[in-house]
Amino acid sequence: MTRRVAIVPHTHWDREWYAPFQTFRLRLVALLDELLPRMETDPSYAHFLLDGQMAVIDDYLAIRPDAEPTLRTLNQAAAAPWRSATCPTCSDTLPRCPNC
């Protein structure tokens, strides 16, 4: 029996964890500045999972608003319905519904 394995390039993204938010945002911008051109030209990067959070895209576009058309074109990988990840141990101020 032959098995087919799919490998999905992805990132787990914490907006703020062991470093301040702006430090992580600059890392995100560097990642996506390299990734987006690769996705446009390299068929092996036809899909990329941005941790299932729309906040990642919002954070990137706050710095690179000119990249919005590219992101819309590449959105065939499907943007997630969640604005941010939910965490049962985090503050009640975190969104608990899609795109809050």
Protein backbone atom coordinates (compact mmCIF):
# COMPACT_ATOMS: atom_id res chain seq x y z
CA MET A 1 0.00 0.00 0.00
CA THR A 2 1.43 3.35 -1.05
CA ARG A 3 1.01 6.26 1.32
CA ARG A 4 0.98 9.87 0.29
CA VAL A 5 2.47 12.39 2.68
CA ALA A 6 1.84 16.12 2.45
CA ILE A 7 4.32 18.54 3.98
CA VAL A 8 2.88 21.99 4.61
CA PRO A 9 5.40 24.78 5.16
CA HIS A 10 4.17 26.81 8.10
CA THR A 11 5.06 29.02 11.00
CA HIS A 12 3.87 29.22 14.55
CA TRP A 13 3.69 32.91 15.32
CA ASP A 14 3.54 34.54 18.73
CA ARG A 15 2.84 38.26 18.52
CA GLU A 16 4.55 38.75 21.86
CA TRP A 17 6.16 36.13 24.02
CA TYR A 18 9.79 36.31 25.17
CA ALA A 19 10.45 39.49 23.18
CA PRO A 20 8.38 42.65 22.68
CA PHE A 21 5.70 42.82 20.00
CA GLN A 22 7.73 45.12 17.72
CA THR A 23 10.70 42.71 17.79
CA PHE A 24 8.47 39.87 16.65
CA ARG A 25 6.80 42.11 14.06
CA LEU A 26 10.19 42.94 12.49
CA ARG A 27 10.96 39.21 12.31
CA LEU A 28 7.59 38.63 10.68
CA VAL A 29 8.26 41.34 8.09
CA ALA A 30 11.64 39.79 7.28
CA LEU A 31 10.05 36.34 6.95
CA LEU A 32 7.25 37.48 4.65
CA ASP A 33 9.52 39.75 2.61
CA GLU A 34 11.47 36.61 1.72
CA LEU A 35 8.51 34.23 1.54
CA LEU A 36 6.09 36.14 -0.72
CA PRO A 37 8.41 36.35 -3.75
CA ARG A 38 9.25 32.67 -3.28
CA MET A 39 5.56 31.75 -3.25
CA GLU A 40 5.08 33.63 -6.52
CA THR A 41 7.94 31.84 -8.29
CA ASP A 42 8.60 28.48 -6.60
CA PRO A 43 5.90 25.81 -7.17
CA SER A 44 7.08 23.93 -4.09
CA TYR A 45 5.81 26.90 -2.06
CA ALA A 46 2.30 26.89 -3.49
CA HIS A 47 0.91 26.92 0.07
CA PHE A 48 2.09 28.30 3.39
CA LEU A 49 0.22 28.28 6.70
CA LEU A 50 0.60 31.51 8.68
CA ASP A 51 -0.36 29.92 11.98
CA GLY A 52 -4.07 30.20 11.16
CA GLN A 53 -4.34 33.80 12.36
CA MET A 54 -5.43 36.90 10.46
CA ALA A 55 -3.59 39.08 12.99
CA VAL A 56 -0.31 37.95 11.40
CA ILE A 57 -1.43 39.39 8.07
CA ASP A 58 -2.66 42.59 9.73
CA ASP A 59 0.69 43.02 11.49
CA TYR A 60 2.59 42.58 8.23
CA LEU A 61 0.36 44.95 6.27
CA ALA A 62 0.77 47.63 8.94
CA ILE A 63 4.44 47.78 7.86
CA ARG A 64 4.09 46.73 4.19
CA PRO A 65 0.67 47.98 2.99
CA ASP A 66 1.89 47.78 -0.61
CA ALA A 67 2.01 43.97 -0.26
CA GLU A 68 -1.78 43.65 0.04
CA PRO A 69 -2.36 42.84 -3.67
CA THR A 70 0.27 40.11 -3.49
CA LEU A 71 -1.28 38.64 -0.36
CA ARG A 72 -4.73 38.71 -1.94
CA THR A 73 -3.40 36.91 -5.02
CA LEU A 74 -1.62 34.30 -2.92
CA ASN A 75 -4.60 33.82 -0.63
CA GLN A 76 -5.51 30.63 -2.46
CA ALA A 77 -4.00 28.91 0.57
CA ALA A 78 -7.03 30.33 2.44
CA ALA A 79 -6.75 32.87 5.19
CA ALA A 80 -8.00 31.64 8.51
CA PRO A 81 -11.28 32.78 10.02
CA TRP A 82 -9.68 33.71 13.35
CA ARG A 83 -8.27 37.15 14.07
CA SER A 84 -6.01 35.71 16.76
CA ALA A 85 -5.53 32.39 18.49
CA THR A 86 -7.62 31.75 21.53
CA CYS A 87 -6.02 30.70 24.77
CA PRO A 88 -8.12 29.51 27.71
CA THR A 89 -5.49 30.71 30.20
CA CYS A 90 -5.11 34.19 28.67
CA SER A 91 -6.98 37.38 29.42
CA ASP A 92 -10.72 37.53 28.76
CA THR A 93 -10.04 40.51 26.48
CA LEU A 94 -8.77 38.22 23.73
CA PRO A 95 -11.22 37.67 20.89
CA ARG A 96 -13.14 34.44 21.15
CA CYS A 97 -15.07 34.69 17.91
CA PRO A 98 -14.08 34.82 14.23
CA ASN A 99 -12.64 38.18 13.17
CA CYS A 100 -13.58 40.02 16.36
